[in-house]
Amino acid sequence: MSGLLRPGGSAAFLTDTAPAAACAAALAALAISAAAPAFAGAAPAACLGTIYLTFDTGSQSQAELIAQTLARHRIKATFFLANEKTVRGDYSLDPSWAAFWKARVAEGHAFGSHTFDHVYWLKDGPGGAIEVRPQFGAAAGKAQSWSTGQYCDEIKRVESRFYELTGSRLDPIWRAPGGKTSPRTLAAGQACGYAHVGWAKAGFSGDELSSSAWPNALLLQKSLRELRGGDIFVAHMGIWSRRDPWAPANLEPLIAGLKQKGYCFGTLREHPDYQSVFKQR
């Protein structure tokens, strides 16, 4: 089961056993045929707008594929890191991942915090407390009541580990797991120097949804149809619950299709909404 925040803001939990509509196959076929002309051929020289690709850690099953695809297209993206369990049996911020993250730093990507233990905000409690539930770590699955200082420390833990692994600092940005925030968590992040980054409604990749109800072809068609310049796009580096992973089927044609439409790509360091934050560092 995978928890996520829908683009409209409501929480949802889906599994890959969710029943598909009878027309799913027909929709998928239409998606492929509709999307194909959009990414055929070379990208135009002019840049009509910038799309900001962002990737959150997850199972890391698609980490190498994502890195290779970005490198092949000479695209810089932004990664939000948490110490999540991976398909290797380790965790994404273990020393065993140091070489991977060092290589991404050398390529010029940007990096933000996703909270160290992938901590979900539940609600704001009395007396300034923040009620949370970590997904990993010593308190995994247990509701906790934190101060704003503790919440800030959780964001900063990623930067400490990232520096140990790569010798580089994070960028001054963070993303709450599931995109679930409150004025109190946003203020906590800001107090310790991190601006929160969500994503555009059109930038929701859908890679946490059931692949039977939401086949990759349909998600690709939706992204190519709806994304516009300035949009922040979110996907994961691997999702445990999705039977047909998003990245192998969709990342390459998404990039090619957006290039064909005249879009360029950048990290959040170039995003106009965050440039003042980066200047403070």
Protein backbone atom coordinates (compact mmCIF):
# COMPACT_ATOMS: atom_id res chain seq x y z
CA MET A 1 0.00 0.00 0.00
CA SER A 2 1.26 3.44 -0.86
CA GLY A 3 0.25 6.70 0.81
CA LEU A 4 0.20 9.78 -1.38
CA LEU A 5 -1.21 13.22 -1.70
CA ARG A 6 -3.34 13.71 -4.78
CA PRO A 7 -2.76 16.89 -6.76
CA GLY A 8 -5.90 18.38 -5.25
CA GLY A 9 -4.52 17.86 -1.73
CA SER A 10 -6.52 14.89 -0.40
CA ALA A 11 -4.72 11.89 0.98
CA ALA A 12 -5.28 8.56 -0.76
CA PHE A 13 -4.10 4.97 -0.37
CA LEU A 14 -4.12 2.60 -3.32
CA THR A 15 -2.85 -0.83 -4.12
CA ASP A 16 -1.96 -2.43 -7.43
CA THR A 17 -4.88 -4.80 -7.01
CA ALA A 18 -7.41 -1.98 -7.47
CA PRO A 19 -9.96 -2.96 -10.18
CA ALA A 20 -9.32 -1.35 -13.57
CA ALA A 21 -12.12 0.12 -15.64
CA ALA A 22 -13.22 -1.94 -18.58
CA CYS A 23 -11.93 0.68 -20.99
CA ALA A 24 -8.40 0.88 -19.47
CA ALA A 25 -6.80 -1.05 -22.32
CA ALA A 26 -8.46 1.11 -24.93
CA LEU A 27 -7.39 4.28 -23.12
CA ALA A 28 -3.82 3.04 -22.92
CA ALA A 29 -3.75 2.37 -26.65
CA LEU A 30 -5.12 5.83 -27.35
CA ALA A 31 -2.49 7.32 -25.05
CA ILE A 32 0.33 5.68 -26.96
CA SER A 33 -0.98 6.78 -30.33
CA ALA A 34 -1.67 10.33 -29.13
CA ALA A 35 1.68 10.75 -27.42
CA ALA A 36 3.86 9.26 -30.14
CA PRO A 37 3.80 12.19 -32.60
CA ALA A 38 4.64 14.61 -29.81
CA PHE A 39 8.07 13.13 -29.10
CA ALA A 40 9.15 12.03 -32.57
CA GLY A 41 12.17 13.80 -34.04
CA ALA A 42 14.67 16.30 -32.66
CA ALA A 43 13.84 19.03 -30.16
CA PRO A 44 13.41 22.56 -31.47
CA ALA A 45 16.28 24.98 -30.84
CA ALA A 46 14.09 27.61 -29.11
CA CYS A 47 13.20 27.22 -25.43
CA LEU A 48 9.54 28.10 -24.87
CA GLY A 49 9.61 27.40 -21.13
CA THR A 50 11.39 25.38 -18.46
CA ILE A 51 10.16 22.18 -16.80
CA TYR A 52 11.69 21.30 -13.43
CA LEU A 53 12.06 17.53 -13.01
CA THR A 54 12.28 16.42 -9.38
CA PHE A 55 12.76 12.91 -7.99
CA ASP A 56 12.08 11.71 -4.45
CA THR A 57 13.91 8.70 -3.06
CA GLY A 58 11.91 5.50 -2.72
CA SER A 59 12.83 1.86 -3.27
CA GLN A 60 15.66 3.11 -5.54
CA SER A 61 14.80 0.35 -8.04
CA GLN A 62 14.94 2.92 -10.87
CA ALA A 63 17.81 5.05 -9.54
CA GLU A 64 20.41 3.99 -12.11
CA LEU A 65 17.96 4.14 -15.01
CA ILE A 66 16.90 7.66 -14.04
CA ALA A 67 20.50 8.82 -13.71
CA GLN A 68 21.48 7.29 -17.05
CA THR A 69 18.47 8.81 -18.84
CA LEU A 70 19.14 12.29 -17.46
CA ALA A 71 22.81 12.03 -18.41
CA ARG A 72 22.00 10.87 -21.93
CA HIS A 73 19.75 13.89 -22.44
CA ARG A 74 22.16 16.23 -20.59
CA ILE A 75 19.40 17.24 -18.20
CA LYS A 76 19.89 18.48 -14.65
CA ALA A 77 17.18 17.59 -12.13
CA THR A 78 16.53 18.03 -8.40
CA PHE A 79 16.59 15.09 -5.98
CA PHE A 80 14.87 15.05 -2.58
CA LEU A 81 16.53 12.56 -0.25
CA ALA A 82 15.30 10.48 2.67
CA ASN A 83 16.96 7.43 4.20
CA GLU A 84 14.53 4.91 2.71
CA LYS A 85 14.84 1.13 2.47
CA THR A 86 15.93 0.07 -1.01
CA VAL A 87 15.65 -3.01 -3.21
CA ARG A 88 19.29 -3.75 -2.34
CA GLY A 89 18.30 -4.38 1.29
CA ASP A 90 20.13 -1.27 2.48
CA TYR A 91 19.03 2.35 2.85
CA SER A 92 19.33 5.17 0.35
CA LEU A 93 21.68 7.23 2.52
CA ASP A 94 23.87 4.34 3.62
CA PRO A 95 27.59 4.51 2.72
CA SER A 96 26.83 1.93 0.02
CA TRP A 97 25.11 4.74 -1.92
CA ALA A 98 27.95 7.23 -1.58
CA ALA A 99 29.33 6.62 -5.08
CA PHE A 100 25.89 7.07 -6.62
CA TRP A 101 25.26 10.40 -4.91
CA LYS A 102 28.81 11.64 -5.56
CA ALA A 103 28.29 10.99 -9.27
CA ARG A 104 25.05 12.97 -9.26
CA VAL A 105 26.79 15.88 -7.52
CA ALA A 106 29.52 15.82 -10.18
CA GLU A 107 26.82 15.98 -12.88
CA GLY A 108 25.45 19.22 -11.45
CA HIS A 109 22.09 18.14 -10.08
CA ALA A 110 20.42 19.88 -7.12
CA PHE A 111 19.55 18.17 -3.82
CA GLY A 112 17.05 18.79 -1.04
CA SER A 113 15.87 17.11 2.15
CA HIS A 114 12.89 14.76 2.19
CA THR A 115 13.24 14.31 6.00
CA PHE A 116 15.68 11.66 7.15
CA ASP A 117 13.23 8.96 8.23
CA HIS A 118 10.57 9.92 5.63
CA VAL A 119 8.42 11.48 8.34
CA TYR A 120 4.74 12.04 7.58
CA TRP A 121 3.01 15.03 9.15
CA LEU A 122 -0.25 14.01 10.85
CA LYS A 123 -1.53 17.19 12.50
CA ASP A 124 -0.49 20.18 14.54
CA GLY A 125 -0.88 19.43 18.22
CA PRO A 126 -1.39 21.55 21.35
CA GLY A 127 1.29 23.86 22.66
CA GLY A 128 3.09 24.22 19.35
CA ALA A 129 3.68 20.46 18.95
CA ILE A 130 3.81 18.73 15.57
CA GLU A 131 2.30 15.23 15.40
CA VAL A 132 4.22 13.00 12.98
CA ARG A 133 4.78 9.36 12.01
CA PRO A 134 8.22 8.30 10.70
CA GLN A 135 8.20 5.59 8.05
CA PHE A 136 11.72 4.41 8.86
CA GLY A 137 14.17 4.56 11.75
CA ALA A 138 13.81 3.62 15.42
CA ALA A 139 10.29 5.06 15.67
CA ALA A 140 9.02 3.66 12.34
CA GLY A 141 5.22 3.47 12.24
CA LYS A 142 4.78 5.13 15.65
CA ALA A 143 3.04 8.46 16.17
CA GLN A 144 5.36 11.05 17.70
CA SER A 145 4.89 14.52 19.15
CA TRP A 146 7.75 16.81 18.16
CA SER A 147 8.73 20.38 18.83
CA THR A 148 9.44 22.65 15.88
CA GLY A 149 13.11 22.31 16.79
CA GLN A 150 12.94 18.53 16.51
CA TYR A 151 11.21 18.83 13.16
CA CYS A 152 13.91 21.19 11.94
CA ASP A 153 16.59 18.76 13.14
CA GLU A 154 14.93 15.98 11.13
CA ILE A 155 15.19 18.05 7.95
CA LYS A 156 18.83 18.89 8.70
CA ARG A 157 19.80 15.26 9.38
CA VAL A 158 19.72 14.63 5.64
CA GLU A 159 22.23 17.40 5.02
CA SER A 160 24.62 16.02 7.65
CA ARG A 161 24.54 12.55 6.11
CA PHE A 162 24.76 13.91 2.55
CA TYR A 163 27.89 15.83 3.49
CA GLU A 164 29.41 12.67 5.01
CA LEU A 165 28.71 10.76 1.79
CA THR A 166 29.63 13.39 -0.81
CA GLY A 167 31.51 16.28 0.80
CA SER A 168 28.76 18.58 -0.51
CA ARG A 169 25.94 20.42 1.20
CA LEU A 170 22.28 20.16 0.33
CA ASP A 171 20.53 23.01 -1.38
CA PRO A 172 18.28 25.03 1.00
CA ILE A 173 15.06 23.22 0.02
CA TRP A 174 12.97 20.38 1.41
CA ARG A 175 9.87 18.41 0.50
CA ALA A 176 7.52 16.82 3.01
CA PRO A 177 6.67 13.15 2.37
CA GLY A 178 3.36 12.99 0.53
CA GLY A 179 3.56 16.77 0.13
CA LYS A 180 1.66 17.02 3.44
CA THR A 181 2.48 20.22 5.32
CA SER A 182 1.02 22.71 7.75
CA PRO A 183 1.86 26.33 8.54
CA ARG A 184 3.81 25.00 11.53
CA THR A 185 5.98 22.58 9.54
CA LEU A 186 6.60 25.18 6.85
CA ALA A 187 7.68 27.66 9.52
CA ALA A 188 9.94 25.05 11.12
CA GLY A 189 11.68 24.44 7.82
CA GLN A 190 12.03 28.14 7.13
CA ALA A 191 13.47 28.75 10.61
CA CYS A 192 16.35 26.38 9.89
CA GLY A 193 16.97 27.71 6.38
CA TYR A 194 14.91 25.44 4.10
CA ALA A 195 12.13 26.45 1.73
CA HIS A 196 9.46 23.85 1.03
CA VAL A 197 8.94 22.66 -2.56
CA GLY A 198 5.75 20.99 -3.72
CA TRP A 199 4.79 20.32 -7.33
CA ALA A 200 2.39 21.59 -9.96
CA LYS A 201 -0.98 19.88 -10.35
CA ALA A 202 0.07 18.89 -13.87
CA GLY A 203 3.42 17.77 -12.46
CA PHE A 204 2.01 14.81 -10.53
CA SER A 205 3.52 11.81 -12.34
CA GLY A 206 1.05 9.32 -10.90
CA ASP A 207 3.81 6.78 -10.27
CA GLU A 208 2.29 5.84 -6.89
CA LEU A 209 -1.08 4.98 -8.42
CA SER A 210 -2.23 1.50 -9.37
CA SER A 211 -0.76 0.61 -12.75
CA SER A 212 -3.87 -1.37 -13.66
CA ALA A 213 -6.15 1.62 -13.14
CA TRP A 214 -3.56 4.14 -14.35
CA PRO A 215 -1.36 2.49 -17.02
CA ASN A 216 1.89 4.18 -17.94
CA ALA A 217 0.62 5.18 -21.40
CA LEU A 218 -2.26 7.10 -19.86
CA LEU A 219 0.01 8.88 -17.39
CA LEU A 220 2.40 9.81 -20.20
CA GLN A 221 -0.39 11.23 -22.32
CA LYS A 222 -1.66 13.30 -19.39
CA SER A 223 1.80 14.73 -18.63
CA LEU A 224 2.53 15.64 -22.24
CA ARG A 225 -0.87 17.26 -22.60
CA GLU A 226 -0.92 19.27 -19.37
CA LEU A 227 2.64 20.28 -18.43
CA ARG A 228 3.56 23.92 -19.05
CA GLY A 229 6.65 26.05 -18.65
CA GLY A 230 7.49 26.72 -14.99
CA ASP A 231 5.86 23.51 -13.74
CA ILE A 232 7.59 21.36 -11.13
CA PHE A 233 7.26 17.65 -11.93
CA VAL A 234 7.55 14.92 -9.28
CA ALA A 235 8.36 11.23 -9.64
CA HIS A 236 10.10 8.66 -7.45
CA MET A 237 13.27 6.64 -7.81
CA GLY A 238 11.25 3.49 -7.35
CA ILE A 239 7.85 2.64 -5.86
CA TRP A 240 7.32 -0.69 -4.10
CA SER A 241 3.58 -0.95 -4.75
CA ARG A 242 3.38 -0.22 -8.49
CA ARG A 243 3.46 -3.39 -10.59
CA ASP A 244 4.55 -1.69 -13.83
CA PRO A 245 7.15 0.90 -12.81
CA TRP A 246 6.75 4.37 -14.23
CA ALA A 247 10.31 5.36 -15.12
CA PRO A 248 11.31 2.59 -17.57
CA ALA A 249 8.23 3.22 -19.71
CA ASN A 250 7.72 6.95 -19.32
CA LEU A 251 10.83 8.96 -18.47
CA GLU A 252 12.50 8.76 -21.88
CA PRO A 253 9.37 9.59 -23.94
CA LEU A 254 8.37 12.29 -21.46
CA ILE A 255 11.69 14.08 -21.86
CA ALA A 256 11.71 13.64 -25.64
CA GLY A 257 8.10 14.76 -25.94
CA LEU A 258 8.63 17.88 -23.86
CA LYS A 259 11.74 18.75 -25.86
CA GLN A 260 9.74 18.38 -29.06
CA LYS A 261 7.19 20.81 -27.69
CA GLY A 262 10.00 23.33 -27.16
CA TYR A 263 10.56 22.98 -23.42
CA CYS A 264 13.90 23.09 -21.66
CA PHE A 265 14.82 21.62 -18.26
CA GLY A 266 16.47 23.03 -15.16
CA THR A 267 17.09 22.44 -11.47
CA LEU A 268 15.23 24.33 -8.80
CA ARG A 269 18.30 26.52 -8.45
CA GLU A 270 17.03 28.27 -11.58
CA HIS A 271 13.35 28.37 -10.61
CA PRO A 272 12.25 32.01 -10.14
CA ASP A 273 10.28 31.17 -6.98
CA TYR A 274 13.40 29.87 -5.21
CA GLN A 275 16.27 31.99 -6.50
CA SER A 276 16.18 34.29 -3.46
CA VAL A 277 16.49 31.26 -1.18
CA PHE A 278 19.54 30.00 -3.01
CA LYS A 279 21.18 33.41 -2.89
CA GLN A 280 21.02 33.31 0.91
CA ARG A 281 23.30 30.29 0.99
